[in-house]
Amino acid sequence: MTLPVSTTSNERFFFAFQTYKKCLRLTMTDEHLSDLLVIDVEGDEASKVDLQESIDLFADMKSRRYPLKA
């Protein structure tokens, strides 16, 4: 006996992967690509995130860059 398996999420992932890979091939790191794919595949959960709260949290973080002396 076999059970049908839904491949919708896999197909959606690979479609998104191919789309992002083609569009941003030269400027994207593996970590950035991974983050974009998570947002695309988990869109329902990502849409629940309060963007203003995320922006405020990011703005309150200490600067992580150090100025270079010329």
PDB file of N, CA and C in Angstrom:
ATOM      1  N   MET A   1       0.838  -1.170   0.000  1.00  0.00           N
ATOM      2  CA  MET A   1       0.000   0.000   0.000  1.00  0.00           C
ATOM      3  C   MET A   1       0.890   1.243   0.000  1.00  0.00           C
ATOM      4  N   THR A   2       0.581   2.199  -0.836  1.00  0.00           N
ATOM      5  CA  THR A   2       1.336   3.450  -0.897  1.00  0.00           C
ATOM      6  C   THR A   2       0.412   4.614  -0.583  1.00  0.00           C
ATOM      7  N   LEU A   3       1.003   5.633  -0.010  1.00  0.00           N
ATOM      8  CA  LEU A   3       0.247   6.833   0.321  1.00  0.00           C
ATOM      9  C   LEU A   3       0.712   7.973  -0.574  1.00  0.00           C
ATOM     10  N   PRO A   4      -0.206   8.764  -1.083  1.00  0.00           N
ATOM     11  CA  PRO A   4       0.209   9.908  -1.899  1.00  0.00           C
ATOM     12  C   PRO A   4       0.912  10.954  -1.029  1.00  0.00           C
ATOM     13  N   VAL A   5       1.960  11.510  -1.558  1.00  0.00           N
ATOM     14  CA  VAL A   5       2.734  12.503  -0.825  1.00  0.00           C
ATOM     15  C   VAL A   5       2.609  13.836  -1.544  1.00  0.00           C
ATOM     16  N   SER A   6       2.331  14.865  -0.788  1.00  0.00           N
ATOM     17  CA  SER A   6       2.221  16.195  -1.373  1.00  0.00           C
ATOM     18  C   SER A   6       3.612  16.756  -1.630  1.00  0.00           C
ATOM     19  N   THR A   7       3.844  17.190  -2.832  1.00  0.00           N
ATOM     20  CA  THR A   7       5.145  17.768  -3.178  1.00  0.00           C
ATOM     21  C   THR A   7       5.031  19.268  -3.416  1.00  0.00           C
ATOM     22  N   THR A   8       3.917  19.843  -3.021  1.00  0.00           N
ATOM     23  CA  THR A   8       3.697  21.261  -3.272  1.00  0.00           C
ATOM     24  C   THR A   8       4.756  22.126  -2.611  1.00  0.00           C
ATOM     25  N   SER A   9       5.072  21.848  -1.354  1.00  0.00           N
ATOM     26  CA  SER A   9       6.059  22.687  -0.663  1.00  0.00           C
ATOM     27  C   SER A   9       7.442  22.529  -1.289  1.00  0.00           C
ATOM     28  N   ASN A  10       7.794  21.326  -1.711  1.00  0.00           N
ATOM     29  CA  ASN A  10       9.087  21.120  -2.373  1.00  0.00           C
ATOM     30  C   ASN A  10       9.147  21.859  -3.699  1.00  0.00           C
ATOM     31  N   GLU A  11       8.070  21.771  -4.468  1.00  0.00           N
ATOM     32  CA  GLU A  11       8.036  22.455  -5.755  1.00  0.00           C
ATOM     33  C   GLU A  11       8.107  23.963  -5.564  1.00  0.00           C
ATOM     34  N   ARG A  12       7.404  24.478  -4.561  1.00  0.00           N
ATOM     35  CA  ARG A  12       7.413  25.914  -4.285  1.00  0.00           C
ATOM     36  C   ARG A  12       8.819  26.358  -3.886  1.00  0.00           C
ATOM     37  N   PHE A  13       9.499  25.549  -3.075  1.00  0.00           N
ATOM     38  CA  PHE A  13      10.859  25.875  -2.654  1.00  0.00           C
ATOM     39  C   PHE A  13      11.797  25.942  -3.856  1.00  0.00           C
ATOM     40  N   PHE A  14      11.772  24.934  -4.722  1.00  0.00           N
ATOM     41  CA  PHE A  14      12.699  24.909  -5.849  1.00  0.00           C
ATOM     42  C   PHE A  14      12.387  25.998  -6.865  1.00  0.00           C
ATOM     43  N   PHE A  15      11.105  26.343  -7.040  1.00  0.00           N
ATOM     44  CA  PHE A  15      10.754  27.447  -7.927  1.00  0.00           C
ATOM     45  C   PHE A  15      11.321  28.752  -7.377  1.00  0.00           C
ATOM     46  N   ALA A  16      11.132  28.983  -6.075  1.00  0.00           N
ATOM     47  CA  ALA A  16      11.664  30.196  -5.450  1.00  0.00           C
ATOM     48  C   ALA A  16      13.186  30.209  -5.528  1.00  0.00           C
ATOM     49  N   PHE A  17      13.810  29.072  -5.280  1.00  0.00           N
ATOM     50  CA  PHE A  17      15.268  28.964  -5.331  1.00  0.00           C
ATOM     51  C   PHE A  17      15.791  29.349  -6.711  1.00  0.00           C
ATOM     52  N   GLN A  18      15.186  28.806  -7.749  1.00  0.00           N
ATOM     53  CA  GLN A  18      15.628  29.106  -9.107  1.00  0.00           C
ATOM     54  C   GLN A  18      15.422  30.577  -9.444  1.00  0.00           C
ATOM     55  N   THR A  19      14.302  31.136  -9.006  1.00  0.00           N
ATOM     56  CA  THR A  19      14.013  32.537  -9.286  1.00  0.00           C
ATOM     57  C   THR A  19      15.047  33.449  -8.637  1.00  0.00           C
ATOM     58  N   TYR A  20      15.306  33.248  -7.350  1.00  0.00           N
ATOM     59  CA  TYR A  20      16.280  34.091  -6.656  1.00  0.00           C
ATOM     60  C   TYR A  20      17.683  33.873  -7.194  1.00  0.00           C
ATOM     61  N   LYS A  21      18.013  32.651  -7.510  1.00  0.00           N
ATOM     62  CA  LYS A  21      19.357  32.350  -7.991  1.00  0.00           C
ATOM     63  C   LYS A  21      19.616  33.044  -9.327  1.00  0.00           C
ATOM     64  N   LYS A  22      18.623  33.051 -10.209  1.00  0.00           N
ATOM     65  CA  LYS A  22      18.785  33.697 -11.509  1.00  0.00           C
ATOM     66  C   LYS A  22      18.887  35.209 -11.374  1.00  0.00           C
ATOM     67  N   CYS A  23      18.025  35.796 -10.552  1.00  0.00           N
ATOM     68  CA  CYS A  23      17.965  37.255 -10.448  1.00  0.00           C
ATOM     69  C   CYS A  23      19.180  37.857  -9.756  1.00  0.00           C
ATOM     70  N   LEU A  24      19.681  37.198  -8.757  1.00  0.00           N
ATOM     71  CA  LEU A  24      20.724  37.792  -7.923  1.00  0.00           C
ATOM     72  C   LEU A  24      21.990  36.955  -7.876  1.00  0.00           C
ATOM     73  N   ARG A  25      22.295  36.296  -8.948  1.00  0.00           N
ATOM     74  CA  ARG A  25      23.397  35.338  -8.978  1.00  0.00           C
ATOM     75  C   ARG A  25      24.734  35.926  -8.521  1.00  0.00           C
ATOM     76  N   LEU A  26      25.067  37.105  -8.959  1.00  0.00           N
ATOM     77  CA  LEU A  26      26.399  37.637  -8.694  1.00  0.00           C
ATOM     78  C   LEU A  26      26.527  38.370  -7.367  1.00  0.00           C
ATOM     79  N   THR A  27      25.414  38.796  -6.787  1.00  0.00           N
ATOM     80  CA  THR A  27      25.512  39.656  -5.610  1.00  0.00           C
ATOM     81  C   THR A  27      25.032  38.992  -4.330  1.00  0.00           C
ATOM     82  N   MET A  28      24.764  37.713  -4.356  1.00  0.00           N
ATOM     83  CA  MET A  28      24.152  37.082  -3.197  1.00  0.00           C
ATOM     84  C   MET A  28      25.075  36.055  -2.553  1.00  0.00           C
ATOM     85  N   THR A  29      25.125  36.084  -1.239  1.00  0.00           N
ATOM     86  CA  THR A  29      25.859  35.064  -0.503  1.00  0.00           C
ATOM     87  C   THR A  29      24.909  33.907  -0.200  1.00  0.00           C
ATOM     88  N   ASP A  30      25.458  32.785   0.212  1.00  0.00           N
ATOM     89  CA  ASP A  30      24.624  31.631   0.554  1.00  0.00           C
ATOM     90  C   ASP A  30      23.677  31.950   1.706  1.00  0.00           C
ATOM     91  N   GLU A  31      24.173  32.704   2.681  1.00  0.00           N
ATOM     92  CA  GLU A  31      23.340  33.047   3.844  1.00  0.00           C
ATOM     93  C   GLU A  31      22.161  33.929   3.430  1.00  0.00           C
ATOM     94  N   HIS A  32      22.425  34.911   2.560  1.00  0.00           N
ATOM     95  CA  HIS A  32      21.358  35.801   2.082  1.00  0.00           C
ATOM     96  C   HIS A  32      20.329  35.005   1.280  1.00  0.00           C
ATOM     97  N   LEU A  33      20.790  34.118   0.408  1.00  0.00           N
ATOM     98  CA  LEU A  33      19.885  33.282  -0.374  1.00  0.00           C
ATOM     99  C   LEU A  33      19.031  32.417   0.537  1.00  0.00           C
ATOM    100  N   SER A  34      19.628  31.846   1.545  1.00  0.00           N
ATOM    101  CA  SER A  34      18.896  31.010   2.491  1.00  0.00           C
ATOM    102  C   SER A  34      17.815  31.816   3.206  1.00  0.00           C
ATOM    103  N   ASP A  35      18.149  33.031   3.635  1.00  0.00           N
ATOM    104  CA  ASP A  35      17.173  33.884   4.320  1.00  0.00           C
ATOM    105  C   ASP A  35      16.002  34.240   3.414  1.00  0.00           C
ATOM    106  N   LEU A  36      16.296  34.575   2.154  1.00  0.00           N
ATOM    107  CA  LEU A  36      15.224  34.907   1.216  1.00  0.00           C
ATOM    108  C   LEU A  36      14.311  33.718   0.953  1.00  0.00           C
ATOM    109  N   LEU A  37      14.894  32.534   0.853  1.00  0.00           N
ATOM    110  CA  LEU A  37      14.087  31.343   0.608  1.00  0.00           C
ATOM    111  C   LEU A  37      13.186  31.023   1.793  1.00  0.00           C
ATOM    112  N   VAL A  38      13.685  31.203   2.994  1.00  0.00           N
ATOM    113  CA  VAL A  38      12.856  30.962   4.182  1.00  0.00           C
ATOM    114  C   VAL A  38      11.671  31.917   4.185  1.00  0.00           C
ATOM    115  N   ILE A  39      11.913  33.186   3.882  1.00  0.00           N
ATOM    116  CA  ILE A  39      10.823  34.160   3.841  1.00  0.00           C
ATOM    117  C   ILE A  39       9.819  33.796   2.761  1.00  0.00           C
ATOM    118  N   ASP A  40      10.307  33.375   1.600  1.00  0.00           N
ATOM    119  CA  ASP A  40       9.406  33.046   0.500  1.00  0.00           C
ATOM    120  C   ASP A  40       8.587  31.795   0.793  1.00  0.00           C
ATOM    121  N   VAL A  41       9.225  30.754   1.273  1.00  0.00           N
ATOM    122  CA  VAL A  41       8.531  29.488   1.517  1.00  0.00           C
ATOM    123  C   VAL A  41       7.617  29.595   2.729  1.00  0.00           C
ATOM    124  N   GLU A  42       8.055  30.279   3.757  1.00  0.00           N
ATOM    125  CA  GLU A  42       7.263  30.437   4.978  1.00  0.00           C
ATOM    126  C   GLU A  42       6.547  31.779   4.972  1.00  0.00           C
ATOM    127  N   GLY A  43       6.013  32.169   3.840  1.00  0.00           N
ATOM    128  CA  GLY A  43       5.384  33.476   3.685  1.00  0.00           C
ATOM    129  C   GLY A  43       4.261  33.751   4.661  1.00  0.00           C
ATOM    130  N   ASP A  44       3.479  32.731   4.996  1.00  0.00           N
ATOM    131  CA  ASP A  44       2.374  32.935   5.928  1.00  0.00           C
ATOM    132  C   ASP A  44       2.887  33.368   7.292  1.00  0.00           C
ATOM    133  N   GLU A  45       3.931  32.726   7.765  1.00  0.00           N
ATOM    134  CA  GLU A  45       4.507  33.087   9.059  1.00  0.00           C
ATOM    135  C   GLU A  45       5.234  34.430   8.973  1.00  0.00           C
ATOM    136  N   ALA A  46       5.907  34.672   7.866  1.00  0.00           N
ATOM    137  CA  ALA A  46       6.648  35.923   7.714  1.00  0.00           C
ATOM    138  C   ALA A  46       5.709  37.118   7.656  1.00  0.00           C
ATOM    139  N   SER A  47       4.504  36.930   7.137  1.00  0.00           N
ATOM    140  CA  SER A  47       3.561  38.044   7.054  1.00  0.00           C
ATOM    141  C   SER A  47       3.021  38.443   8.420  1.00  0.00           C
ATOM    142  N   LYS A  48       3.182  37.592   9.418  1.00  0.00           N
ATOM    143  CA  LYS A  48       2.710  37.897  10.771  1.00  0.00           C
ATOM    144  C   LYS A  48       3.697  38.761  11.555  1.00  0.00           C
ATOM    145  N   VAL A  49       4.902  38.918  11.042  1.00  0.00           N
ATOM    146  CA  VAL A  49       5.935  39.687  11.735  1.00  0.00           C
ATOM    147  C   VAL A  49       5.613  41.177  11.623  1.00  0.00           C
ATOM    148  N   ASP A  50       5.677  41.876  12.744  1.00  0.00           N
ATOM    149  CA  ASP A  50       5.452  43.319  12.765  1.00  0.00           C
ATOM    150  C   ASP A  50       6.729  44.011  12.281  1.00  0.00           C
ATOM    151  N   LEU A  51       6.664  44.591  11.081  1.00  0.00           N
ATOM    152  CA  LEU A  51       7.856  45.183  10.489  1.00  0.00           C
ATOM    153  C   LEU A  51       8.352  46.390  11.275  1.00  0.00           C
ATOM    154  N   GLN A  52       7.436  47.206  11.774  1.00  0.00           N
ATOM    155  CA  GLN A  52       7.863  48.389  12.525  1.00  0.00           C
ATOM    156  C   GLN A  52       8.611  47.992  13.792  1.00  0.00           C
ATOM    157  N   GLU A  53       8.139  46.948  14.458  1.00  0.00           N
ATOM    158  CA  GLU A  53       8.831  46.465  15.656  1.00  0.00           C
ATOM    159  C   GLU A  53      10.224  45.947  15.300  1.00  0.00           C
ATOM    160  N   SER A  54      10.332  45.241  14.180  1.00  0.00           N
ATOM    161  CA  SER A  54      11.637  44.739  13.740  1.00  0.00           C
ATOM    162  C   SER A  54      12.583  45.885  13.415  1.00  0.00           C
ATOM    163  N   ILE A  55      12.065  46.913  12.758  1.00  0.00           N
ATOM    164  CA  ILE A  55      12.884  48.079  12.416  1.00  0.00           C
ATOM    165  C   ILE A  55      13.347  48.789  13.680  1.00  0.00           C
ATOM    166  N   ASP A  56      12.443  48.940  14.648  1.00  0.00           N
ATOM    167  CA  ASP A  56      12.802  49.592  15.907  1.00  0.00           C
ATOM    168  C   ASP A  56      13.873  48.802  16.656  1.00  0.00           C
ATOM    169  N   LEU A  57      13.745  47.480  16.691  1.00  0.00           N
ATOM    170  CA  LEU A  57      14.754  46.651  17.352  1.00  0.00           C
ATOM    171  C   LEU A  57      16.114  46.800  16.678  1.00  0.00           C
ATOM    172  N   PHE A  58      16.117  46.815  15.352  1.00  0.00           N
ATOM    173  CA  PHE A  58      17.361  46.963  14.606  1.00  0.00           C
ATOM    174  C   PHE A  58      17.981  48.334  14.855  1.00  0.00           C
ATOM    175  N   ALA A  59      17.138  49.368  14.888  1.00  0.00           N
ATOM    176  CA  ALA A  59      17.634  50.730  15.100  1.00  0.00           C
ATOM    177  C   ALA A  59      18.229  50.894  16.492  1.00  0.00           C
ATOM    178  N   ASP A  60      17.708  50.172  17.470  1.00  0.00           N
ATOM    179  CA  ASP A  60      18.203  50.278  18.842  1.00  0.00           C
ATOM    180  C   ASP A  60      19.502  49.511  19.082  1.00  0.00           C
ATOM    181  N   MET A  61      19.890  48.663  18.145  1.00  0.00           N
ATOM    182  CA  MET A  61      21.124  47.899  18.303  1.00  0.00           C
ATOM    183  C   MET A  61      22.328  48.832  18.220  1.00  0.00           C
ATOM    184  N   LYS A  62      23.385  48.461  18.906  1.00  0.00           N
ATOM    185  CA  LYS A  62      24.617  49.238  18.824  1.00  0.00           C
ATOM    186  C   LYS A  62      25.226  49.057  17.437  1.00  0.00           C
ATOM    187  N   SER A  63      25.944  50.060  17.022  1.00  0.00           N
ATOM    188  CA  SER A  63      26.604  49.990  15.728  1.00  0.00           C
ATOM    189  C   SER A  63      27.631  48.865  15.735  1.00  0.00           C
ATOM    190  N   ARG A  64      27.656  48.077  14.693  1.00  0.00           N
ATOM    191  CA  ARG A  64      28.591  46.960  14.600  1.00  0.00           C
ATOM    192  C   ARG A  64      29.754  47.279  13.661  1.00  0.00           C
ATOM    193  N   ARG A  65      29.775  48.482  13.127  1.00  0.00           N
ATOM    194  CA  ARG A  65      30.834  48.857  12.199  1.00  0.00           C
ATOM    195  C   ARG A  65      31.812  49.806  12.878  1.00  0.00           C
ATOM    196  N   TYR A  66      33.037  49.676  12.504  1.00  0.00           N
ATOM    197  CA  TYR A  66      34.064  50.552  13.030  1.00  0.00           C
ATOM    198  C   TYR A  66      34.589  51.415  11.886  1.00  0.00           C
ATOM    199  N   PRO A  67      34.706  52.718  12.111  1.00  0.00           N
ATOM    200  CA  PRO A  67      35.200  53.586  11.026  1.00  0.00           C
ATOM    201  C   PRO A  67      36.672  53.292  10.734  1.00  0.00           C
ATOM    202  N   LEU A  68      37.010  53.299   9.479  1.00  0.00           N
ATOM    203  CA  LEU A  68      38.401  53.101   9.069  1.00  0.00           C
ATOM    204  C   LEU A  68      39.114  54.440   9.073  1.00  0.00           C
ATOM    205  N   LYS A  69      40.333  54.442   9.558  1.00  0.00           N
ATOM    206  CA  LYS A  69      41.115  55.676   9.568  1.00  0.00           C
ATOM    207  C   LYS A  69      41.874  55.782   8.263  1.00  0.00           C
ATOM    208  N   ALA A  70      41.777  56.952   7.647  1.00  0.00           N
ATOM    209  CA  ALA A  70      42.446  57.158   6.365  1.00  0.00           C
ATOM    210  C   ALA A  70      43.823  57.715   6.555  1.00  0.00           C
TER     211      ALA A  70
END
